[in-house]
């Protein structure tokens, strides 16, 4: 497998996910602002409501990375659930660790093949 194509597939999924998260956050924040301006919530509720909306919108990005890692884990016949959970928690760090491990394993396999070849 080519790592570049795998990273491009992550970008293809991540960019729309980021846009959806941004739009959803803007819409929900606007709705929350209208509720707050109407005067039906306390200032403490305003803070909780706003941070909750931002946190939920941020989970969209994490979910995209987690799903991508799950798919990669299934392709590699590894532990897709573990990678999925790691992606939810660690986001891009999980993707970077996964890509780093893939590069390391491919380099290790390449070196092993080089040492097996008889000299000419």
PDB file of N, CA and C in Angstrom:
ATOM      1  N   UNK A   1       0.826  -1.191   0.000  1.00  0.00           N
ATOM      2  CA  UNK A   1       0.000   0.000   0.000  1.00  0.00           C
ATOM      3  C   UNK A   1       0.869   1.253   0.000  1.00  0.00           C
ATOM      4  N   UNK A   2       0.353   2.247  -0.624  1.00  0.00           N
ATOM      5  CA  UNK A   2       1.084   3.493  -0.705  1.00  0.00           C
ATOM      6  C   UNK A   2       0.594   4.453   0.379  1.00  0.00           C
ATOM      7  N   UNK A   3       1.518   4.900   1.181  1.00  0.00           N
ATOM      8  CA  UNK A   3       1.160   5.749   2.321  1.00  0.00           C
ATOM      9  C   UNK A   3       0.574   7.076   1.863  1.00  0.00           C
ATOM     10  N   UNK A   4       1.100   7.615   0.786  1.00  0.00           N
ATOM     11  CA  UNK A   4       0.596   8.901   0.286  1.00  0.00           C
ATOM     12  C   UNK A   4      -0.901   8.811  -0.013  1.00  0.00           C
ATOM     13  N   UNK A   5      -1.334   7.730  -0.664  1.00  0.00           N
ATOM     14  CA  UNK A   5      -2.759   7.570  -0.981  1.00  0.00           C
ATOM     15  C   UNK A   5      -3.595   7.446   0.278  1.00  0.00           C
ATOM     16  N   UNK A   6      -3.055   6.786   1.282  1.00  0.00           N
ATOM     17  CA  UNK A   6      -3.791   6.642   2.535  1.00  0.00           C
ATOM     18  C   UNK A   6      -3.946   7.992   3.234  1.00  0.00           C
ATOM     19  N   UNK A   7      -2.905   8.795   3.213  1.00  0.00           N
ATOM     20  CA  UNK A   7      -2.981  10.128   3.829  1.00  0.00           C
ATOM     21  C   UNK A   7      -3.933  11.016   3.037  1.00  0.00           C
ATOM     22  N   UNK A   8      -3.910  10.892   1.715  1.00  0.00           N
ATOM     23  CA  UNK A   8      -4.843  11.658   0.892  1.00  0.00           C
ATOM     24  C   UNK A   8      -6.283  11.250   1.182  1.00  0.00           C
ATOM     25  N   UNK A   9      -6.514   9.959   1.423  1.00  0.00           N
ATOM     26  CA  UNK A   9      -7.877   9.529   1.756  1.00  0.00           C
ATOM     27  C   UNK A   9      -8.317  10.130   3.089  1.00  0.00           C
ATOM     28  N   UNK A  10      -7.391  10.245   4.044  1.00  0.00           N
ATOM     29  CA  UNK A  10      -7.718  10.916   5.307  1.00  0.00           C
ATOM     30  C   UNK A  10      -8.078  12.379   5.054  1.00  0.00           C
ATOM     31  N   UNK A  11      -7.318  13.043   4.221  1.00  0.00           N
ATOM     32  CA  UNK A  11      -7.594  14.457   3.919  1.00  0.00           C
ATOM     33  C   UNK A  11      -8.947  14.621   3.237  1.00  0.00           C
ATOM     34  N   UNK A  12      -9.284  13.689   2.344  1.00  0.00           N
ATOM     35  CA  UNK A  12     -10.564  13.756   1.640  1.00  0.00           C
ATOM     36  C   UNK A  12     -11.727  13.653   2.619  1.00  0.00           C
ATOM     37  N   UNK A  13     -11.576  12.875   3.657  1.00  0.00           N
ATOM     38  CA  UNK A  13     -12.618  12.744   4.673  1.00  0.00           C
ATOM     39  C   UNK A  13     -12.546  13.868   5.709  1.00  0.00           C
ATOM     40  N   UNK A  14     -11.337  14.294   6.046  1.00  0.00           N
ATOM     41  CA  UNK A  14     -11.166  15.254   7.137  1.00  0.00           C
ATOM     42  C   UNK A  14     -11.639  16.657   6.753  1.00  0.00           C
ATOM     43  N   UNK A  15     -11.314  17.087   5.557  1.00  0.00           N
ATOM     44  CA  UNK A  15     -11.655  18.461   5.148  1.00  0.00           C
ATOM     45  C   UNK A  15     -13.168  18.697   5.182  1.00  0.00           C
ATOM     46  N   UNK A  16     -13.988  17.831   4.556  1.00  0.00           N
ATOM     47  CA  UNK A  16     -15.438  18.047   4.688  1.00  0.00           C
ATOM     48  C   UNK A  16     -15.921  17.931   6.135  1.00  0.00           C
ATOM     49  N   UNK A  17     -15.328  17.028   6.901  1.00  0.00           N
ATOM     50  CA  UNK A  17     -15.702  16.906   8.309  1.00  0.00           C
ATOM     51  C   UNK A  17     -15.422  18.186   9.076  1.00  0.00           C
ATOM     52  N   UNK A  18     -14.282  18.798   8.788  1.00  0.00           N
ATOM     53  CA  UNK A  18     -13.927  20.058   9.436  1.00  0.00           C
ATOM     54  C   UNK A  18     -14.911  21.158   9.050  1.00  0.00           C
ATOM     55  N   UNK A  19     -15.273  21.205   7.764  1.00  0.00           N
ATOM     56  CA  UNK A  19     -16.215  22.227   7.295  1.00  0.00           C
ATOM     57  C   UNK A  19     -17.580  22.036   7.953  1.00  0.00           C
ATOM     58  N   UNK A  20     -18.048  20.784   8.019  1.00  0.00           N
ATOM     59  CA  UNK A  20     -19.330  20.501   8.667  1.00  0.00           C
ATOM     60  C   UNK A  20     -19.270  20.894  10.139  1.00  0.00           C
ATOM     61  N   UNK A  21     -18.169  20.575  10.814  1.00  0.00           N
ATOM     62  CA  UNK A  21     -18.027  20.939  12.229  1.00  0.00           C
ATOM     63  C   UNK A  21     -18.054  22.445  12.406  1.00  0.00           C
ATOM     64  N   UNK A  22     -17.395  23.164  11.523  1.00  0.00           N
ATOM     65  CA  UNK A  22     -17.368  24.630  11.610  1.00  0.00           C
ATOM     66  C   UNK A  22     -18.759  25.213  11.402  1.00  0.00           C
ATOM     67  N   UNK A  23     -19.461  24.717  10.379  1.00  0.00           N
ATOM     68  CA  UNK A  23     -20.807  25.227  10.098  1.00  0.00           C
ATOM     69  C   UNK A  23     -21.763  24.878  11.236  1.00  0.00           C
ATOM     70  N   UNK A  24     -21.695  23.637  11.711  1.00  0.00           N
ATOM     71  CA  UNK A  24     -22.572  23.217  12.808  1.00  0.00           C
ATOM     72  C   UNK A  24     -22.307  24.043  14.058  1.00  0.00           C
ATOM     73  N   UNK A  25     -21.049  24.291  14.341  1.00  0.00           N
ATOM     74  CA  UNK A  25     -20.700  25.098  15.515  1.00  0.00           C
ATOM     75  C   UNK A  25     -21.240  26.516  15.376  1.00  0.00           C
ATOM     76  N   UNK A  26     -21.114  27.077  14.184  1.00  0.00           N
ATOM     77  CA  UNK A  26     -21.613  28.440  13.965  1.00  0.00           C
ATOM     78  C   UNK A  26     -23.128  28.506  14.114  1.00  0.00           C
ATOM     79  N   UNK A  27     -23.826  27.551  13.523  1.00  0.00           N
ATOM     80  CA  UNK A  27     -25.288  27.548  13.593  1.00  0.00           C
ATOM     81  C   UNK A  27     -25.759  27.345  15.028  1.00  0.00           C
ATOM     82  N   UNK A  28     -25.171  26.350  15.692  1.00  0.00           N
ATOM     83  CA  UNK A  28     -25.595  26.067  17.064  1.00  0.00           C
ATOM     84  C   UNK A  28     -25.229  27.195  18.011  1.00  0.00           C
ATOM     85  N   UNK A  29     -24.086  27.834  17.787  1.00  0.00           N
ATOM     86  CA  UNK A  29     -23.706  28.972  18.635  1.00  0.00           C
ATOM     87  C   UNK A  29     -24.666  30.137  18.430  1.00  0.00           C
ATOM     88  N   UNK A  30     -25.081  30.346  17.193  1.00  0.00           N
ATOM     89  CA  UNK A  30     -26.049  31.402  16.907  1.00  0.00           C
ATOM     90  C   UNK A  30     -27.382  31.129  17.574  1.00  0.00           C
ATOM     91  N   UNK A  31     -27.812  29.864  17.523  1.00  0.00           N
ATOM     92  CA  UNK A  31     -29.071  29.486  18.186  1.00  0.00           C
ATOM     93  C   UNK A  31     -28.956  29.667  19.697  1.00  0.00           C
ATOM     94  N   UNK A  32     -27.824  29.281  20.237  1.00  0.00           N
ATOM     95  CA  UNK A  32     -27.603  29.437  21.674  1.00  0.00           C
ATOM     96  C   UNK A  32     -27.598  30.918  22.047  1.00  0.00           C
ATOM     97  N   UNK A  33     -27.008  31.739  21.205  1.00  0.00           N
ATOM     98  CA  UNK A  33     -26.957  33.182  21.470  1.00  0.00           C
ATOM     99  C   UNK A  33     -28.368  33.762  21.499  1.00  0.00           C
ATOM    100  N   UNK A  34     -29.231  33.303  20.599  1.00  0.00           N
ATOM    101  CA  UNK A  34     -30.617  33.785  20.585  1.00  0.00           C
ATOM    102  C   UNK A  34     -31.340  33.381  21.870  1.00  0.00           C
ATOM    103  N   UNK A  35     -31.124  32.159  22.324  1.00  0.00           N
ATOM    104  CA  UNK A  35     -31.743  31.705  23.573  1.00  0.00           C
ATOM    105  C   UNK A  35     -31.229  32.536  24.740  1.00  0.00           C
ATOM    106  N   UNK A  36     -29.927  32.808  24.735  1.00  0.00           N
ATOM    107  CA  UNK A  36     -29.323  33.586  25.821  1.00  0.00           C
ATOM    108  C   UNK A  36     -29.846  35.017  25.808  1.00  0.00           C
ATOM    109  N   UNK A  37     -29.930  35.613  24.610  1.00  0.00           N
ATOM    110  CA  UNK A  37     -30.413  36.991  24.501  1.00  0.00           C
ATOM    111  C   UNK A  37     -31.887  37.104  24.902  1.00  0.00           C
ATOM    112  N   UNK A  38     -32.633  36.037  24.696  1.00  0.00           N
ATOM    113  CA  UNK A  38     -34.044  36.035  25.061  1.00  0.00           C
ATOM    114  C   UNK A  38     -34.206  36.093  26.567  1.00  0.00           C
ATOM    115  N   UNK A  39     -33.144  35.721  27.298  1.00  0.00           N
ATOM    116  CA  UNK A  39     -33.140  35.874  28.746  1.00  0.00           C
ATOM    117  C   UNK A  39     -33.648  34.691  29.524  1.00  0.00           C
ATOM    118  N   UNK A  40     -33.650  33.519  28.913  1.00  0.00           N
ATOM    119  CA  UNK A  40     -34.177  32.353  29.611  1.00  0.00           C
ATOM    120  C   UNK A  40     -33.104  31.524  30.300  1.00  0.00           C
ATOM    121  N   UNK A  41     -31.852  31.932  30.222  1.00  0.00           N
ATOM    122  CA  UNK A  41     -30.790  31.152  30.859  1.00  0.00           C
ATOM    123  C   UNK A  41     -29.919  32.057  31.726  1.00  0.00           C
ATOM    124  N   UNK A  42     -29.287  31.438  32.700  1.00  0.00           N
ATOM    125  CA  UNK A  42     -28.382  32.164  33.584  1.00  0.00           C
ATOM    126  C   UNK A  42     -27.007  32.260  32.925  1.00  0.00           C
ATOM    127  N   UNK A  43     -26.138  33.138  33.418  1.00  0.00           N
ATOM    128  CA  UNK A  43     -24.789  33.226  32.850  1.00  0.00           C
ATOM    129  C   UNK A  43     -24.004  31.915  32.946  1.00  0.00           C
ATOM    130  N   UNK A  44     -24.206  31.158  34.014  1.00  0.00           N
ATOM    131  CA  UNK A  44     -23.504  29.876  34.145  1.00  0.00           C
ATOM    132  C   UNK A  44     -23.972  28.904  33.070  1.00  0.00           C
ATOM    133  N   UNK A  45     -25.267  28.901  32.804  1.00  0.00           N
ATOM    134  CA  UNK A  45     -25.811  28.034  31.759  1.00  0.00           C
ATOM    135  C   UNK A  45     -25.289  28.463  30.396  1.00  0.00           C
ATOM    136  N   UNK A  46     -25.099  29.752  30.205  1.00  0.00           N
ATOM    137  CA  UNK A  46     -24.560  30.273  28.951  1.00  0.00           C
ATOM    138  C   UNK A  46     -23.167  29.696  28.696  1.00  0.00           C
ATOM    139  N   UNK A  47     -22.336  29.683  29.711  1.00  0.00           N
ATOM    140  CA  UNK A  47     -20.973  29.149  29.569  1.00  0.00           C
ATOM    141  C   UNK A  47     -21.019  27.660  29.271  1.00  0.00           C
ATOM    142  N   UNK A  48     -21.840  26.931  29.986  1.00  0.00           N
ATOM    143  CA  UNK A  48     -21.959  25.483  29.773  1.00  0.00           C
ATOM    144  C   UNK A  48     -22.476  25.194  28.375  1.00  0.00           C
ATOM    145  N   UNK A  49     -23.480  25.922  27.947  1.00  0.00           N
ATOM    146  CA  UNK A  49     -24.075  25.718  26.629  1.00  0.00           C
ATOM    147  C   UNK A  49     -23.063  25.994  25.517  1.00  0.00           C
ATOM    148  N   UNK A  50     -22.351  27.085  25.630  1.00  0.00           N
ATOM    149  CA  UNK A  50     -21.372  27.452  24.606  1.00  0.00           C
ATOM    150  C   UNK A  50     -20.225  26.457  24.534  1.00  0.00           C
ATOM    151  N   UNK A  51     -19.674  26.068  25.664  1.00  0.00           N
ATOM    152  CA  UNK A  51     -18.558  25.115  25.644  1.00  0.00           C
ATOM    153  C   UNK A  51     -19.017  23.735  25.182  1.00  0.00           C
ATOM    154  N   UNK A  52     -20.244  23.368  25.500  1.00  0.00           N
ATOM    155  CA  UNK A  52     -20.770  22.077  25.042  1.00  0.00           C
ATOM    156  C   UNK A  52     -20.886  22.039  23.530  1.00  0.00           C
ATOM    157  N   UNK A  53     -21.371  23.122  22.949  1.00  0.00           N
ATOM    158  CA  UNK A  53     -21.512  23.196  21.491  1.00  0.00           C
ATOM    159  C   UNK A  53     -20.148  23.106  20.817  1.00  0.00           C
ATOM    160  N   UNK A  54     -19.181  23.841  21.325  1.00  0.00           N
ATOM    161  CA  UNK A  54     -17.841  23.812  20.742  1.00  0.00           C
ATOM    162  C   UNK A  54     -17.231  22.423  20.880  1.00  0.00           C
ATOM    163  N   UNK A  55     -17.421  21.783  22.028  1.00  0.00           N
ATOM    164  CA  UNK A  55     -16.881  20.439  22.245  1.00  0.00           C
ATOM    165  C   UNK A  55     -17.517  19.424  21.313  1.00  0.00           C
ATOM    166  N   UNK A  56     -18.820  19.488  21.148  1.00  0.00           N
ATOM    167  CA  UNK A  56     -19.505  18.551  20.262  1.00  0.00           C
ATOM    168  C   UNK A  56     -19.076  18.736  18.813  1.00  0.00           C
ATOM    169  N   UNK A  57     -18.909  19.967  18.389  1.00  0.00           N
ATOM    170  CA  UNK A  57     -18.446  20.217  17.019  1.00  0.00           C
ATOM    171  C   UNK A  57     -17.025  19.695  16.837  1.00  0.00           C
ATOM    172  N   UNK A  58     -16.208  19.785  17.865  1.00  0.00           N
ATOM    173  CA  UNK A  58     -14.841  19.275  17.785  1.00  0.00           C
ATOM    174  C   UNK A  58     -14.775  17.762  17.693  1.00  0.00           C
ATOM    175  N   UNK A  59     -15.812  17.084  18.179  1.00  0.00           N
ATOM    176  CA  UNK A  59     -15.839  15.628  18.100  1.00  0.00           C
ATOM    177  C   UNK A  59     -15.987  15.117  16.668  1.00  0.00           C
ATOM    178  N   UNK A  60     -16.521  15.932  15.784  1.00  0.00           N
ATOM    179  CA  UNK A  60     -16.657  15.521  14.382  1.00  0.00           C
ATOM    180  C   UNK A  60     -15.285  15.234  13.793  1.00  0.00           C
ATOM    181  N   UNK A  61     -14.318  16.104  14.059  1.00  0.00           N
ATOM    182  CA  UNK A  61     -12.950  15.894  13.565  1.00  0.00           C
ATOM    183  C   UNK A  61     -12.371  14.607  14.140  1.00  0.00           C
ATOM    184  N   UNK A  62     -12.546  14.419  15.423  1.00  0.00           N
ATOM    185  CA  UNK A  62     -12.033  13.205  16.064  1.00  0.00           C
ATOM    186  C   UNK A  62     -12.681  11.962  15.472  1.00  0.00           C
ATOM    187  N   UNK A  63     -13.976  12.029  15.197  1.00  0.00           N
ATOM    188  CA  UNK A  63     -14.683  10.878  14.640  1.00  0.00           C
ATOM    189  C   UNK A  63     -14.159  10.528  13.255  1.00  0.00           C
ATOM    190  N   UNK A  64     -13.861  11.538  12.456  1.00  0.00           N
ATOM    191  CA  UNK A  64     -13.322  11.282  11.110  1.00  0.00           C
ATOM    192  C   UNK A  64     -11.981  10.564  11.211  1.00  0.00           C
ATOM    193  N   UNK A  65     -11.095  11.045  12.060  1.00  0.00           N
ATOM    194  CA  UNK A  65      -9.792  10.402  12.238  1.00  0.00           C
ATOM    195  C   UNK A  65      -9.967   8.995  12.793  1.00  0.00           C
ATOM    196  N   UNK A  66     -10.876   8.829  13.755  1.00  0.00           N
ATOM    197  CA  UNK A  66     -11.102   7.521  14.355  1.00  0.00           C
ATOM    198  C   UNK A  66     -11.629   6.515  13.327  1.00  0.00           C
ATOM    199  N   UNK A  67     -12.557   6.941  12.489  1.00  0.00           N
ATOM    200  CA  UNK A  67     -13.092   6.050  11.456  1.00  0.00           C
ATOM    201  C   UNK A  67     -12.007   5.686  10.450  1.00  0.00           C
ATOM    202  N   UNK A  68     -11.191   6.667  10.069  1.00  0.00           N
ATOM    203  CA  UNK A  68     -10.092   6.395   9.136  1.00  0.00           C
ATOM    204  C   UNK A  68      -9.123   5.371   9.734  1.00  0.00           C
ATOM    205  N   UNK A  69      -8.781   5.535  10.999  1.00  0.00           N
ATOM    206  CA  UNK A  69      -7.881   4.588  11.658  1.00  0.00           C
ATOM    207  C   UNK A  69      -8.523   3.209  11.779  1.00  0.00           C
ATOM    208  N   UNK A  70      -9.826   3.167  11.997  1.00  0.00           N
ATOM    209  CA  UNK A  70     -10.529   1.888  12.057  1.00  0.00           C
ATOM    210  C   UNK A  70     -10.430   1.163  10.718  1.00  0.00           C
ATOM    211  N   UNK A  71     -10.674   1.885   9.638  1.00  0.00           N
ATOM    212  CA  UNK A  71     -10.592   1.292   8.290  1.00  0.00           C
ATOM    213  C   UNK A  71      -9.171   0.814   8.012  1.00  0.00           C
ATOM    214  N   UNK A  72      -8.173   1.619   8.380  1.00  0.00           N
ATOM    215  CA  UNK A  72      -6.778   1.226   8.170  1.00  0.00           C
ATOM    216  C   UNK A  72      -6.438  -0.007   8.996  1.00  0.00           C
ATOM    217  N   UNK A  73      -6.934  -0.057  10.219  1.00  0.00           N
ATOM    218  CA  UNK A  73      -6.685  -1.210  11.081  1.00  0.00           C
ATOM    219  C   UNK A  73      -7.280  -2.488  10.512  1.00  0.00           C
ATOM    220  N   UNK A  74      -8.455  -2.367   9.906  1.00  0.00           N
ATOM    221  CA  UNK A  74      -9.075  -3.539   9.279  1.00  0.00           C
ATOM    222  C   UNK A  74      -8.282  -3.981   8.050  1.00  0.00           C
ATOM    223  N   UNK A  75      -7.789  -3.029   7.263  1.00  0.00           N
ATOM    224  CA  UNK A  75      -6.990  -3.367   6.078  1.00  0.00           C
ATOM    225  C   UNK A  75      -5.716  -4.094   6.467  1.00  0.00           C
ATOM    226  N   UNK A  76      -5.112  -3.650   7.552  1.00  0.00           N
ATOM    227  CA  UNK A  76      -3.845  -4.218   8.003  1.00  0.00           C
ATOM    228  C   UNK A  76      -4.047  -5.471   8.851  1.00  0.00           C
ATOM    229  N   UNK A  77      -5.292  -5.829   9.094  1.00  0.00           N
ATOM    230  CA  UNK A  77      -5.628  -6.974   9.947  1.00  0.00           C
ATOM    231  C   UNK A  77      -5.022  -6.815  11.341  1.00  0.00           C
ATOM    232  N   UNK A  78      -5.122  -5.594  11.838  1.00  0.00           N
ATOM    233  CA  UNK A  78      -4.614  -5.298  13.173  1.00  0.00           C
ATOM    234  C   UNK A  78      -5.757  -5.269  14.167  1.00  0.00           C
ATOM    235  N   UNK A  79      -5.748  -4.280  15.019  1.00  0.00           N
ATOM    236  CA  UNK A  79      -6.782  -4.110  16.043  1.00  0.00           C
ATOM    237  C   UNK A  79      -7.562  -2.833  15.736  1.00  0.00           C
ATOM    238  N   UNK A  80      -8.561  -2.933  14.869  1.00  0.00           N
ATOM    239  CA  UNK A  80      -9.267  -1.718  14.439  1.00  0.00           C
ATOM    240  C   UNK A  80      -9.990  -0.990  15.570  1.00  0.00           C
ATOM    241  N   UNK A  81     -10.531  -1.720  16.536  1.00  0.00           N
ATOM    242  CA  UNK A  81     -11.242  -1.070  17.644  1.00  0.00           C
ATOM    243  C   UNK A  81     -10.268  -0.244  18.482  1.00  0.00           C
ATOM    244  N   UNK A  82      -9.091  -0.790  18.713  1.00  0.00           N
ATOM    245  CA  UNK A  82      -8.072  -0.061  19.465  1.00  0.00           C
ATOM    246  C   UNK A  82      -7.681   1.229  18.750  1.00  0.00           C
ATOM    247  N   UNK A  83      -7.462   1.147  17.446  1.00  0.00           N
ATOM    248  CA  UNK A  83      -7.105   2.343  16.680  1.00  0.00           C
ATOM    249  C   UNK A  83      -8.264   3.331  16.643  1.00  0.00           C
ATOM    250  N   UNK A  84      -9.493   2.818  16.564  1.00  0.00           N
ATOM    251  CA  UNK A  84     -10.660   3.690  16.576  1.00  0.00           C
ATOM    252  C   UNK A  84     -10.721   4.489  17.878  1.00  0.00           C
ATOM    253  N   UNK A  85     -10.579   3.797  18.996  1.00  0.00           N
ATOM    254  CA  UNK A  85     -10.622   4.476  20.298  1.00  0.00           C
ATOM    255  C   UNK A  85      -9.459   5.451  20.456  1.00  0.00           C
ATOM    256  N   UNK A  86      -8.281   5.048  19.991  1.00  0.00           N
ATOM    257  CA  UNK A  86      -7.120   5.921  20.053  1.00  0.00           C
ATOM    258  C   UNK A  86      -7.355   7.179  19.215  1.00  0.00           C
ATOM    259  N   UNK A  87      -7.983   7.016  18.048  1.00  0.00           N
ATOM    260  CA  UNK A  87      -8.306   8.158  17.192  1.00  0.00           C
ATOM    261  C   UNK A  87      -9.304   9.099  17.835  1.00  0.00           C
ATOM    262  N   UNK A  88     -10.282   8.560  18.561  1.00  0.00           N
ATOM    263  CA  UNK A  88     -11.253   9.414  19.252  1.00  0.00           C
ATOM    264  C   UNK A  88     -10.588  10.250  20.329  1.00  0.00           C
ATOM    265  N   UNK A  89      -9.631   9.647  21.014  1.00  0.00           N
ATOM    266  CA  UNK A  89      -8.999  10.328  22.142  1.00  0.00           C
ATOM    267  C   UNK A  89      -7.865  11.244  21.692  1.00  0.00           C
ATOM    268  N   UNK A  90      -7.011  10.741  20.812  1.00  0.00           N
ATOM    269  CA  UNK A  90      -5.780  11.462  20.484  1.00  0.00           C
ATOM    270  C   UNK A  90      -5.821  12.223  19.158  1.00  0.00           C
ATOM    271  N   UNK A  91      -6.868  12.027  18.368  1.00  0.00           N
ATOM    272  CA  UNK A  91      -7.068  12.805  17.147  1.00  0.00           C
ATOM    273  C   UNK A  91      -5.886  12.680  16.193  1.00  0.00           C
ATOM    274  N   UNK A  92      -5.264  13.797  15.840  1.00  0.00           N
ATOM    275  CA  UNK A  92      -4.173  13.765  14.856  1.00  0.00           C
ATOM    276  C   UNK A  92      -2.920  13.081  15.378  1.00  0.00           C
ATOM    277  N   UNK A  93      -2.703  13.108  16.671  1.00  0.00           N
ATOM    278  CA  UNK A  93      -1.541  12.401  17.210  1.00  0.00           C
ATOM    279  C   UNK A  93      -1.641  10.909  16.920  1.00  0.00           C
ATOM    280  N   UNK A  94      -2.848  10.375  17.017  1.00  0.00           N
ATOM    281  CA  UNK A  94      -3.053   8.956  16.720  1.00  0.00           C
ATOM    282  C   UNK A  94      -2.758   8.675  15.255  1.00  0.00           C
ATOM    283  N   UNK A  95      -3.206   9.562  14.371  1.00  0.00           N
ATOM    284  CA  UNK A  95      -2.942   9.376  12.940  1.00  0.00           C
ATOM    285  C   UNK A  95      -1.443   9.470  12.658  1.00  0.00           C
ATOM    286  N   UNK A  96      -0.770  10.414  13.297  1.00  0.00           N
ATOM    287  CA  UNK A  96       0.681  10.544  13.092  1.00  0.00           C
ATOM    288  C   UNK A  96       1.434   9.321  13.601  1.00  0.00           C
ATOM    289  N   UNK A  97       1.021   8.804  14.734  1.00  0.00           N
ATOM    290  CA  UNK A  97       1.664   7.597  15.269  1.00  0.00           C
ATOM    291  C   UNK A  97       1.415   6.424  14.332  1.00  0.00           C
ATOM    292  N   UNK A  98       0.192   6.290  13.838  1.00  0.00           N
ATOM    293  CA  UNK A  98      -0.126   5.204  12.912  1.00  0.00           C
ATOM    294  C   UNK A  98       0.731   5.301  11.644  1.00  0.00           C
ATOM    295  N   UNK A  99       0.803   6.495  11.075  1.00  0.00           N
ATOM    296  CA  UNK A  99       1.594   6.689   9.852  1.00  0.00           C
ATOM    297  C   UNK A  99       3.065   6.429  10.125  1.00  0.00           C
ATOM    298  N   UNK A 100       3.564   6.898  11.264  1.00  0.00           N
ATOM    299  CA  UNK A 100       4.961   6.634  11.627  1.00  0.00           C
ATOM    300  C   UNK A 100       5.243   5.146  11.758  1.00  0.00           C
ATOM    301  N   UNK A 101       4.325   4.411  12.379  1.00  0.00           N
ATOM    302  CA  UNK A 101       4.494   2.965  12.498  1.00  0.00           C
ATOM    303  C   UNK A 101       4.464   2.281  11.135  1.00  0.00           C
ATOM    304  N   UNK A 102       3.591   2.738  10.263  1.00  0.00           N
ATOM    305  CA  UNK A 102       3.532   2.161   8.904  1.00  0.00           C
ATOM    306  C   UNK A 102       4.835   2.391   8.159  1.00  0.00           C
ATOM    307  N   UNK A 103       5.378   3.592   8.249  1.00  0.00           N
ATOM    308  CA  UNK A 103       6.648   3.892   7.580  1.00  0.00           C
ATOM    309  C   UNK A 103       7.753   3.031   8.162  1.00  0.00           C
ATOM    310  N   UNK A 104       7.786   2.912   9.473  1.00  0.00           N
ATOM    311  CA  UNK A 104       8.803   2.094  10.132  1.00  0.00           C
ATOM    312  C   UNK A 104       8.705   0.632   9.694  1.00  0.00           C
ATOM    313  N   UNK A 105       7.492   0.086   9.682  1.00  0.00           N
ATOM    314  CA  UNK A 105       7.317  -1.316   9.305  1.00  0.00           C
ATOM    315  C   UNK A 105       7.677  -1.554   7.837  1.00  0.00           C
ATOM    316  N   UNK A 106       7.314  -0.619   6.967  1.00  0.00           N
ATOM    317  CA  UNK A 106       7.658  -0.773   5.553  1.00  0.00           C
ATOM    318  C   UNK A 106       9.170  -0.679   5.349  1.00  0.00           C
ATOM    319  N   UNK A 107       9.811   0.219   6.063  1.00  0.00           N
ATOM    320  CA  UNK A 107      11.267   0.342   5.953  1.00  0.00           C
ATOM    321  C   UNK A 107      11.955  -0.909   6.489  1.00  0.00           C
ATOM    322  N   UNK A 108      11.443  -1.437   7.574  1.00  0.00           N
ATOM    323  CA  UNK A 108      11.997  -2.654   8.162  1.00  0.00           C
ATOM    324  C   UNK A 108      11.857  -3.834   7.190  1.00  0.00           C
ATOM    325  N   UNK A 109      10.695  -3.960   6.552  1.00  0.00           N
ATOM    326  CA  UNK A 109      10.479  -5.035   5.579  1.00  0.00           C
ATOM    327  C   UNK A 109      11.379  -4.845   4.361  1.00  0.00           C
ATOM    328  N   UNK A 110      11.569  -3.619   3.928  1.00  0.00           N
ATOM    329  CA  UNK A 110      12.441  -3.327   2.791  1.00  0.00           C
ATOM    330  C   UNK A 110      13.885  -3.705   3.115  1.00  0.00           C
ATOM    331  N   UNK A 111      14.355  -3.334   4.297  1.00  0.00           N
ATOM    332  CA  UNK A 111      15.718  -3.671   4.708  1.00  0.00           C
ATOM    333  C   UNK A 111      15.906  -5.180   4.807  1.00  0.00           C
ATOM    334  N   UNK A 112      14.884  -5.861   5.274  1.00  0.00           N
ATOM    335  CA  UNK A 112      14.957  -7.308   5.399  1.00  0.00           C
ATOM    336  C   UNK A 112      15.089  -7.955   4.018  1.00  0.00           C
ATOM    337  N   UNK A 113      14.345  -7.434   3.045  1.00  0.00           N
ATOM    338  CA  UNK A 113      14.442  -7.952   1.678  1.00  0.00           C
ATOM    339  C   UNK A 113      15.820  -7.684   1.085  1.00  0.00           C
ATOM    340  N   UNK A 114      16.391  -6.526   1.378  1.00  0.00           N
ATOM    341  CA  UNK A 114      17.722  -6.185   0.854  1.00  0.00           C
ATOM    342  C   UNK A 114      18.781  -7.137   1.382  1.00  0.00           C
ATOM    343  N   UNK A 115      18.690  -7.488   2.660  1.00  0.00           N
ATOM    344  CA  UNK A 115      19.697  -8.370   3.249  1.00  0.00           C
ATOM    345  C   UNK A 115      19.552  -9.804   2.782  1.00  0.00           C
ATOM    346  N   UNK A 116      18.387 -10.183   2.324  1.00  0.00           N
ATOM    347  CA  UNK A 116      18.175 -11.542   1.858  1.00  0.00           C
ATOM    348  C   UNK A 116      18.710 -11.762   0.453  1.00  0.00           C
ATOM    349  N   UNK A 117      18.816 -10.691  -0.326  1.00  0.00           N
ATOM    350  CA  UNK A 117      19.266 -10.833  -1.710  1.00  0.00           C
ATOM    351  C   UNK A 117      20.733 -11.241  -1.754  1.00  0.00           C
ATOM    352  N   UNK A 118      21.040 -12.259  -2.562  1.00  0.00           N
ATOM    353  CA  UNK A 118      22.443 -12.666  -2.677  1.00  0.00           C
ATOM    354  C   UNK A 118      23.245 -11.595  -3.448  1.00  0.00           C
ATOM    355  N   UNK A 119      24.518 -11.442  -3.116  1.00  0.00           N
ATOM    356  CA  UNK A 119      25.337 -10.451  -3.824  1.00  0.00           C
ATOM    357  C   UNK A 119      25.534 -10.870  -5.280  1.00  0.00           C
ATOM    358  N   UNK A 120      25.662  -9.882  -6.157  1.00  0.00           N
ATOM    359  CA  UNK A 120      25.808 -10.159  -7.594  1.00  0.00           C
ATOM    360  C   UNK A 120      27.251 -10.368  -7.977  1.00  0.00           C
TER     361      UNK A 120
END
